[in-house]
Amino acid sequence: MSTPSEVSDLPTPDTRSARKPRPPAAKTRRVKRLSKRDKVILGFMVGIPTLVQLAFVWIPTLLSVFLSFTRWNGLALSDIRAAGLANYSYVYNDSPAFWPAVQHNILWLLFLAVIATPLGLLLAVLLDQNIRGSKIYQSIFFVPVMLSLALVGIIWQLFYQKDNGLLNFLLGTAGTPQAVDWFGDPNINIWAALVAATWRHAGYVMILYLAGLKGVDASLKEAASLDGANARQTFFRIVFPAMAPINIVIVVITIIESLRAFDVVWVINKGTNGLELISALVITYLIGEGQSIGIGSAFAVILLVISLVPITIYLSRTFRKEKF
């Protein structure tokens, strides 16, 4: 049995806690301040892109909105006169090319959405099968994307030429009265231009969908095959829905491409004689023979407003997903 002195020698809970080693004090982190050189470099990195954006995007946009409410011949600034909504009234009511241009832009959108985009998806699915020489095929189909639309228009102009064009030569009508004037006939030139635009757009869509297909989890395909799904069911019920972000991007790109279509029709016949587009009308009124800066700016603002609709939808969906 312990004596009182022995009991008093036992460590109490307080003494035990006192004997425990204390954790080392946390080292205070010193905030490194930017040096003067760092601030200068950071200022250049932020300032130069901002100035470029202001100079080539925002300032021209604001000036276009301002000039769309004025009358100006593009010469002296003192000749600028307020016009109110007169330019917009002319565009909607009196311009002979506006409504045909709207119809052609809608037709351009439908053709890219129904023909060019599914063609790009088909190419992506075929090339995703790891067939022999798939890299070479990808390069071949992607080459038109790297070319400017103006160059694409020149290439197809040579292809569609009435007397010496490759297409009429293949049809056996080159140099004969039966030769088809693919770009001169207003009844068919819009379709010829759409084929030229599809040649480029399909390659762009192919690359985007190839990236999307590579990102689909392979276990989803394996699970679908174990459940008895065939290749078609697996693609449309598993793979294609899994590429929802890519699908949204391609929808937005297709809409914007249909609105900004310009280079091909301008190279062909400057957007006239059956190839009227809103973007071509902007340039026609800004620098054409019947120059009218106010009307051209009104066309540009209308095109801007229409283009903002798909962009706004895309950004709202993107930010909503990031928020949740």
Foldseek 3Di string as FASTA:
>chain_A
DDDPVVVVPDDDPVVVVVPDDDDDDDDDDDDDDDDPVRVVVVCCVPVPVVVVCCVPPVVVLVVLVVLLQWWDQPDDPVPTGGRHCPLVCCLVPPDPQNVLQVVLLVVLLVCCVPPLLVLLLVLLVVLLVVDPPSVVVLCVLQVLQPDDLLVLLVVLCQQQPQARHVVCVVVVCHNHPPGDNQLQALVRVSVSLSVSVSSNSSSVSNVLVNVLQVPFDVVQVVVCVVVPDDPVCCCVPPSVVSSVLSVLVSSLVSSVCSQCPANNNCSRPLQDSNRPHLNSVLCCCCPNPVHISNNSSVSVVVSVVVSVVSVVVSVVVVVVVVVD
